[in-house]
Amino acid sequence: MPELYTFLMERWALYHNLEYDSGEEKNPRLIFYTETDEVVQTVPISQMKADEIERLLDSLGFYKRSQKGDDVPEEYQHFPLRAPRDEL
């Protein structure tokens, strides 16, 4: 999973409202939650390239900073998805 490692080391910190659990997960996946912590969608990512993970997050409206440490605009503070919840 070198692509996943690349994404985690180089791009993860650019995105807002993502959390990483470094457990011993052998089948890494992105899990999307509502504001009330209900699972909306689960996407396996072990076979995805770093660019594919990035495109997925971008397509869902996650805010991506230009560089680590940049401020996040107010409209992206609480709910990063552009699509209505029922479209996920």
N, C-alpha and C. Protein backbone atom coordinates (compact mmCIF):
# COMPACT_ATOMS: atom_id res chain seq x y z
N MET A 1 0.81 -1.19 0.00
CA MET A 1 0.00 0.00 0.00
C MET A 1 0.86 1.27 0.00
N PRO A 2 1.85 1.29 -0.86
CA PRO A 2 2.70 2.49 -0.90
C PRO A 2 1.95 3.75 -1.32
N GLU A 3 0.92 3.62 -2.14
CA GLU A 3 0.14 4.79 -2.55
C GLU A 3 -0.62 5.39 -1.37
N LEU A 4 -1.17 4.53 -0.52
CA LEU A 4 -1.86 5.01 0.66
C LEU A 4 -0.87 5.72 1.58
N TYR A 5 0.29 5.16 1.75
CA TYR A 5 1.33 5.78 2.57
C TYR A 5 1.70 7.16 2.00
N THR A 6 1.84 7.25 0.69
CA THR A 6 2.14 8.52 0.03
C THR A 6 1.06 9.55 0.34
N PHE A 7 -0.20 9.14 0.22
CA PHE A 7 -1.30 10.05 0.50
C PHE A 7 -1.26 10.51 1.96
N LEU A 8 -1.08 9.58 2.86
CA LEU A 8 -1.06 9.93 4.28
C LEU A 8 0.09 10.87 4.64
N MET A 9 1.24 10.63 4.08
CA MET A 9 2.42 11.43 4.43
C MET A 9 2.46 12.79 3.73
N GLU A 10 1.95 12.86 2.50
CA GLU A 10 2.10 14.08 1.72
C GLU A 10 0.84 14.92 1.57
N ARG A 11 -0.34 14.32 1.66
CA ARG A 11 -1.55 15.07 1.30
C ARG A 11 -2.60 15.13 2.39
N TRP A 12 -2.60 14.18 3.30
CA TRP A 12 -3.65 14.08 4.33
C TRP A 12 -3.85 15.39 5.07
N ALA A 13 -2.78 16.01 5.52
CA ALA A 13 -2.87 17.22 6.35
C ALA A 13 -3.42 18.43 5.58
N LEU A 14 -3.49 18.34 4.27
CA LEU A 14 -4.04 19.45 3.50
C LEU A 14 -5.56 19.50 3.57
N TYR A 15 -6.20 18.37 3.90
CA TYR A 15 -7.66 18.28 3.92
C TYR A 15 -8.21 18.59 5.31
N HIS A 16 -9.36 19.26 5.32
CA HIS A 16 -10.03 19.63 6.56
C HIS A 16 -11.09 18.58 6.90
N ASN A 17 -11.28 18.34 8.18
CA ASN A 17 -12.30 17.43 8.71
C ASN A 17 -12.05 15.97 8.37
N LEU A 18 -10.79 15.58 8.35
CA LEU A 18 -10.43 14.17 8.21
C LEU A 18 -9.74 13.73 9.49
N GLU A 19 -10.01 12.51 9.90
CA GLU A 19 -9.32 11.94 11.05
C GLU A 19 -8.68 10.63 10.61
N TYR A 20 -7.56 10.32 11.20
CA TYR A 20 -6.84 9.10 10.85
C TYR A 20 -6.73 8.22 12.08
N ASP A 21 -7.11 6.96 11.93
CA ASP A 21 -6.96 5.97 12.99
C ASP A 21 -5.85 5.03 12.55
N SER A 22 -4.78 4.99 13.28
CA SER A 22 -3.62 4.20 12.88
C SER A 22 -3.65 2.79 13.44
N GLY A 23 -4.83 2.25 13.63
CA GLY A 23 -4.96 0.88 14.13
C GLY A 23 -4.35 -0.12 13.16
N GLU A 24 -4.40 -1.35 13.51
CA GLU A 24 -3.80 -2.41 12.70
C GLU A 24 -4.73 -2.85 11.57
N GLU A 25 -5.42 -1.93 10.99
CA GLU A 25 -6.38 -2.23 9.92
C GLU A 25 -5.69 -2.77 8.68
N LYS A 26 -6.10 -3.95 8.27
CA LYS A 26 -5.51 -4.55 7.08
C LYS A 26 -6.30 -4.18 5.81
N ASN A 27 -7.49 -3.66 6.00
CA ASN A 27 -8.33 -3.23 4.88
C ASN A 27 -8.68 -1.76 5.07
N PRO A 28 -7.74 -0.85 4.79
CA PRO A 28 -8.00 0.57 5.04
C PRO A 28 -9.18 1.06 4.21
N ARG A 29 -9.91 1.99 4.80
CA ARG A 29 -11.09 2.53 4.14
C ARG A 29 -11.37 3.92 4.66
N LEU A 30 -12.04 4.69 3.84
CA LEU A 30 -12.56 5.99 4.27
C LEU A 30 -13.97 5.76 4.75
N ILE A 31 -14.29 6.31 5.89
CA ILE A 31 -15.65 6.20 6.44
C ILE A 31 -16.18 7.62 6.58
N PHE A 32 -17.31 7.87 5.96
CA PHE A 32 -17.93 9.19 6.00
C PHE A 32 -19.10 9.15 6.97
N TYR A 33 -19.14 10.16 7.86
CA TYR A 33 -20.15 10.23 8.91
C TYR A 33 -20.99 11.49 8.77
N THR A 34 -22.20 11.44 9.31
CA THR A 34 -23.01 12.64 9.43
C THR A 34 -22.54 13.40 10.66
N GLU A 35 -23.13 14.56 10.89
CA GLU A 35 -22.79 15.35 12.08
C GLU A 35 -23.15 14.62 13.36
N THR A 36 -24.05 13.64 13.29
CA THR A 36 -24.45 12.87 14.48
C THR A 36 -23.75 11.52 14.53
N ASP A 37 -22.63 11.40 13.83
CA ASP A 37 -21.78 10.20 13.82
C ASP A 37 -22.43 8.94 13.26
N GLU A 38 -23.38 9.12 12.35
CA GLU A 38 -23.95 7.98 11.64
C GLU A 38 -23.13 7.76 10.37
N VAL A 39 -22.83 6.49 10.08
CA VAL A 39 -22.05 6.17 8.88
C VAL A 39 -22.92 6.40 7.65
N VAL A 40 -22.38 7.17 6.71
CA VAL A 40 -23.10 7.47 5.46
C VAL A 40 -22.58 6.58 4.34
N GLN A 41 -21.25 6.41 4.30
CA GLN A 41 -20.65 5.65 3.21
C GLN A 41 -19.28 5.15 3.67
N THR A 42 -18.91 3.97 3.19
CA THR A 42 -17.59 3.41 3.44
C THR A 42 -16.96 3.08 2.09
N VAL A 43 -15.71 3.52 1.90
CA VAL A 43 -15.02 3.31 0.63
C VAL A 43 -13.68 2.63 0.90
N PRO A 44 -13.49 1.39 0.40
CA PRO A 44 -12.19 0.74 0.56
C PRO A 44 -11.14 1.47 -0.27
N ILE A 45 -9.95 1.68 0.31
CA ILE A 45 -8.93 2.46 -0.39
C ILE A 45 -7.59 1.74 -0.52
N SER A 46 -7.52 0.49 -0.13
CA SER A 46 -6.23 -0.21 -0.18
C SER A 46 -5.68 -0.34 -1.60
N GLN A 47 -6.53 -0.38 -2.60
CA GLN A 47 -6.09 -0.52 -3.99
C GLN A 47 -6.09 0.80 -4.75
N MET A 48 -6.43 1.89 -4.05
CA MET A 48 -6.50 3.19 -4.72
C MET A 48 -5.14 3.88 -4.73
N LYS A 49 -4.89 4.63 -5.78
CA LYS A 49 -3.69 5.45 -5.86
C LYS A 49 -3.93 6.75 -5.10
N ALA A 50 -2.87 7.41 -4.70
CA ALA A 50 -2.98 8.67 -3.94
C ALA A 50 -3.82 9.68 -4.70
N ASP A 51 -3.65 9.79 -6.01
CA ASP A 51 -4.43 10.73 -6.82
C ASP A 51 -5.92 10.37 -6.82
N GLU A 52 -6.24 9.09 -6.79
CA GLU A 52 -7.64 8.66 -6.76
C GLU A 52 -8.29 9.03 -5.43
N ILE A 53 -7.58 8.85 -4.34
CA ILE A 53 -8.12 9.23 -3.03
C ILE A 53 -8.36 10.73 -3.00
N GLU A 54 -7.40 11.48 -3.52
CA GLU A 54 -7.52 12.93 -3.56
C GLU A 54 -8.72 13.36 -4.40
N ARG A 55 -8.90 12.75 -5.57
CA ARG A 55 -10.05 13.09 -6.43
C ARG A 55 -11.37 12.77 -5.74
N LEU A 56 -11.42 11.64 -5.01
CA LEU A 56 -12.64 11.28 -4.29
C LEU A 56 -12.97 12.36 -3.26
N LEU A 57 -12.00 12.74 -2.44
CA LEU A 57 -12.25 13.75 -1.43
C LEU A 57 -12.64 15.09 -2.06
N ASP A 58 -11.98 15.45 -3.15
CA ASP A 58 -12.32 16.68 -3.86
C ASP A 58 -13.75 16.63 -4.40
N SER A 59 -14.13 15.49 -4.96
CA SER A 59 -15.47 15.36 -5.54
C SER A 59 -16.56 15.44 -4.48
N LEU A 60 -16.22 15.09 -3.24
CA LEU A 60 -17.19 15.15 -2.15
C LEU A 60 -17.19 16.51 -1.46
N GLY A 61 -16.31 17.40 -1.90
CA GLY A 61 -16.33 18.75 -1.37
C GLY A 61 -15.48 18.99 -0.15
N PHE A 62 -14.59 18.09 0.18
CA PHE A 62 -13.70 18.33 1.31
C PHE A 62 -12.78 19.49 0.96
N TYR A 63 -12.63 20.40 1.91
CA TYR A 63 -11.78 21.55 1.67
C TYR A 63 -10.32 21.14 1.69
N LYS A 64 -9.58 21.59 0.69
CA LYS A 64 -8.15 21.30 0.60
C LYS A 64 -7.37 22.60 0.71
N ARG A 65 -6.53 22.67 1.71
CA ARG A 65 -5.69 23.85 1.91
C ARG A 65 -4.61 23.91 0.83
N SER A 66 -4.11 25.10 0.56
CA SER A 66 -2.99 25.25 -0.37
C SER A 66 -1.71 24.70 0.24
N GLN A 67 -1.57 24.90 1.55
CA GLN A 67 -0.42 24.34 2.26
C GLN A 67 -0.82 24.07 3.70
N LYS A 68 -0.10 23.19 4.36
CA LYS A 68 -0.39 22.84 5.75
C LYS A 68 -0.41 24.09 6.61
N GLY A 69 -1.41 24.14 7.50
CA GLY A 69 -1.50 25.26 8.41
C GLY A 69 -2.35 26.42 7.93
N ASP A 70 -2.75 26.43 6.66
CA ASP A 70 -3.62 27.50 6.15
C ASP A 70 -4.96 27.47 6.88
N ASP A 71 -5.61 28.63 7.00
CA ASP A 71 -6.93 28.71 7.61
C ASP A 71 -7.97 28.08 6.69
N VAL A 72 -9.06 27.60 7.30
CA VAL A 72 -10.18 27.00 6.57
C VAL A 72 -11.34 28.00 6.59
N PRO A 73 -11.90 28.33 5.41
CA PRO A 73 -13.03 29.27 5.38
C PRO A 73 -14.21 28.76 6.22
N GLU A 74 -14.98 29.68 6.74
CA GLU A 74 -16.09 29.36 7.64
C GLU A 74 -17.06 28.33 7.04
N GLU A 75 -17.36 28.44 5.75
CA GLU A 75 -18.36 27.53 5.15
C GLU A 75 -17.90 26.08 5.11
N TYR A 76 -16.62 25.82 5.36
CA TYR A 76 -16.10 24.46 5.36
C TYR A 76 -15.77 23.95 6.76
N GLN A 77 -16.08 24.73 7.79
CA GLN A 77 -15.70 24.37 9.15
C GLN A 77 -16.41 23.12 9.68
N HIS A 78 -17.69 22.93 9.35
CA HIS A 78 -18.46 21.88 10.01
C HIS A 78 -18.90 20.73 9.11
N PHE A 79 -19.18 21.02 7.88
CA PHE A 79 -19.68 19.96 7.00
C PHE A 79 -18.99 20.07 5.65
N PRO A 80 -18.04 19.20 5.39
CA PRO A 80 -17.21 19.36 4.19
C PRO A 80 -17.84 18.89 2.89
N LEU A 81 -18.98 18.25 2.92
CA LEU A 81 -19.53 17.67 1.70
C LEU A 81 -20.42 18.65 0.96
N ARG A 82 -20.26 18.74 -0.34
CA ARG A 82 -21.13 19.56 -1.18
C ARG A 82 -22.45 18.84 -1.44
N ALA A 83 -22.39 17.53 -1.65
CA ALA A 83 -23.58 16.76 -2.02
C ALA A 83 -24.50 16.60 -0.82
N PRO A 84 -25.82 16.66 -1.04
CA PRO A 84 -26.74 16.35 0.05
C PRO A 84 -26.46 14.95 0.58
N ARG A 85 -26.73 14.74 1.83
CA ARG A 85 -26.41 13.45 2.47
C ARG A 85 -27.02 12.25 1.76
N ASP A 86 -28.25 12.41 1.25
CA ASP A 86 -28.90 11.26 0.63
C ASP A 86 -28.30 10.90 -0.73
N GLU A 87 -27.43 11.75 -1.27
CA GLU A 87 -26.78 11.43 -2.54
C GLU A 87 -25.52 10.62 -2.35
N LEU A 88 -25.03 10.53 -1.13
CA LEU A 88 -23.81 9.75 -0.87
C LEU A 88 -24.19 8.32 -0.91
